[in-house]
Amino acid sequence: WTRPGVNGALLSDPKLSEEDLEQLQVHLRVHRRRLLQVISELRHNGILKGILKKLQAAAARQAAIDKAVAAKAAARAVAQRATKLRAIQSRAMASKKKYNRTI
């Protein structure tokens, strides 16, 4: 559900309907009804707020991890480009020395 943007706030929306769940690709009607029933029970017992806080904290942690992974990948790409550039420079210097010796 992360791809279509489903999160705790969306699922805890009091206006959430079977049609909404169907658009979120919960295809079986029995599953849609069960989800709505469980969400209603959680909301009624006040448990949903605690769960939402935990989900938000988990989402924040995952976002930080994703950001760190992206930064590491970018740093790796820069390092690879630098290595290629050094190799090209080294070959150019070797060619220049060889050329200067022949003159």
Protein backbone atom coordinates (compact mmCIF):
# COMPACT_ATOMS: atom_id res chain seq x y z
CA TRP A 1 0.00 0.00 0.00
CA THR A 2 2.96 2.33 0.16
CA ARG A 3 2.86 2.87 -3.59
CA PRO A 4 -0.67 4.37 -3.74
CA GLY A 5 0.06 6.48 -0.66
CA VAL A 6 -1.91 4.54 1.91
CA ASN A 7 -0.98 5.53 5.44
CA GLY A 8 -2.48 5.50 8.92
CA ALA A 9 -4.13 8.88 8.46
CA LEU A 10 -5.96 7.67 5.36
CA LEU A 11 -7.10 4.46 7.02
CA SER A 12 -8.26 6.27 10.15
CA ASP A 13 -10.40 8.71 8.16
CA PRO A 14 -13.96 8.40 9.52
CA LYS A 15 -15.27 8.88 5.97
CA LEU A 16 -13.38 5.83 4.67
CA SER A 17 -15.80 3.66 2.70
CA GLU A 18 -15.93 0.35 0.91
CA GLU A 19 -15.57 2.22 -2.37
CA ASP A 20 -12.37 3.85 -1.12
CA LEU A 21 -10.93 0.45 -0.20
CA GLU A 22 -11.94 -0.91 -3.57
CA GLN A 23 -10.03 1.93 -5.26
CA LEU A 24 -7.06 0.95 -3.06
CA GLN A 25 -7.28 -2.48 -4.69
CA VAL A 26 -8.89 -4.38 -1.84
CA HIS A 27 -10.84 -6.49 -4.30
CA LEU A 28 -12.80 -8.88 -2.11
CA ARG A 29 -15.87 -7.38 -0.49
CA VAL A 30 -15.41 -9.52 2.62
CA HIS A 31 -11.92 -8.07 3.09
CA ARG A 32 -13.19 -4.52 2.68
CA ARG A 33 -15.90 -5.08 5.28
CA ARG A 34 -13.47 -6.73 7.68
CA LEU A 35 -11.01 -3.86 7.37
CA LEU A 36 -13.73 -1.30 8.01
CA GLN A 37 -14.95 -3.30 11.03
CA VAL A 38 -11.46 -3.56 12.55
CA ILE A 39 -10.75 0.13 11.92
CA SER A 40 -14.04 1.04 13.57
CA GLU A 41 -13.26 -1.13 16.61
CA LEU A 42 -9.79 0.37 16.94
CA ARG A 43 -11.21 3.88 16.65
CA HIS A 44 -13.89 3.09 19.25
CA ASN A 45 -11.35 1.69 21.73
CA GLY A 46 -8.98 4.63 21.27
CA ILE A 47 -6.23 2.29 20.14
CA LEU A 48 -6.04 3.82 16.69
CA LYS A 49 -4.32 7.00 17.91
CA GLY A 50 -1.47 5.02 19.48
CA ILE A 51 -1.10 2.91 16.38
CA LEU A 52 -1.05 6.02 14.19
CA LYS A 53 1.74 7.53 16.28
CA LYS A 54 3.78 4.36 15.90
CA LEU A 55 3.11 4.24 12.17
CA GLN A 56 4.15 7.87 11.77
CA ALA A 57 7.35 7.23 13.72
CA ALA A 58 8.07 4.17 11.58
CA ALA A 59 7.43 6.17 8.41
CA ALA A 60 9.82 8.89 9.61
CA ARG A 61 12.49 6.28 10.33
CA GLN A 62 11.99 4.71 6.91
CA ALA A 63 12.24 8.13 5.24
CA ALA A 64 15.54 8.75 7.03
CA ILE A 65 16.83 5.35 5.94
CA ASP A 66 15.74 6.00 2.35
CA LYS A 67 17.49 9.38 2.41
CA ALA A 68 20.70 7.83 3.76
CA VAL A 69 20.61 5.07 1.13
CA ALA A 70 20.11 7.64 -1.63
CA ALA A 71 22.99 9.75 -0.31
CA LYS A 72 25.25 6.69 -0.17
CA ALA A 73 24.33 5.76 -3.74
CA ALA A 74 25.05 9.30 -4.90
CA ALA A 75 28.43 9.29 -3.12
CA ARG A 76 29.26 5.94 -4.71
CA ALA A 77 28.39 7.31 -8.16
CA VAL A 78 30.61 10.36 -7.58
CA ALA A 79 33.47 8.13 -6.45
CA GLN A 80 33.09 5.96 -9.56
CA ARG A 81 33.16 9.02 -11.80
CA ALA A 82 36.26 10.31 -10.01
CA THR A 83 38.00 6.95 -10.49
CA LYS A 84 37.17 6.98 -14.21
CA LEU A 85 38.42 10.55 -14.51
CA ARG A 86 41.72 9.68 -12.80
CA ALA A 87 42.16 6.74 -15.19
CA ILE A 88 41.54 8.98 -18.19
CA GLN A 89 43.95 11.58 -16.86
CA SER A 90 46.57 8.91 -16.23
CA ARG A 91 46.26 7.59 -19.79
CA ALA A 92 46.44 11.14 -21.16
CA MET A 93 49.62 11.85 -19.17
CA ALA A 94 51.19 8.60 -20.36
CA SER A 95 50.34 9.46 -23.97
CA LYS A 96 51.76 12.96 -23.52
CA LYS A 97 55.04 11.59 -22.10
CA LYS A 98 55.31 9.09 -24.94
CA TYR A 99 54.67 11.84 -27.48
CA ASN A 100 57.26 14.15 -25.88
CA ARG A 101 59.89 11.41 -26.05
CA THR A 102 59.36 10.94 -29.78
CA ILE A 103 59.86 14.65 -30.51
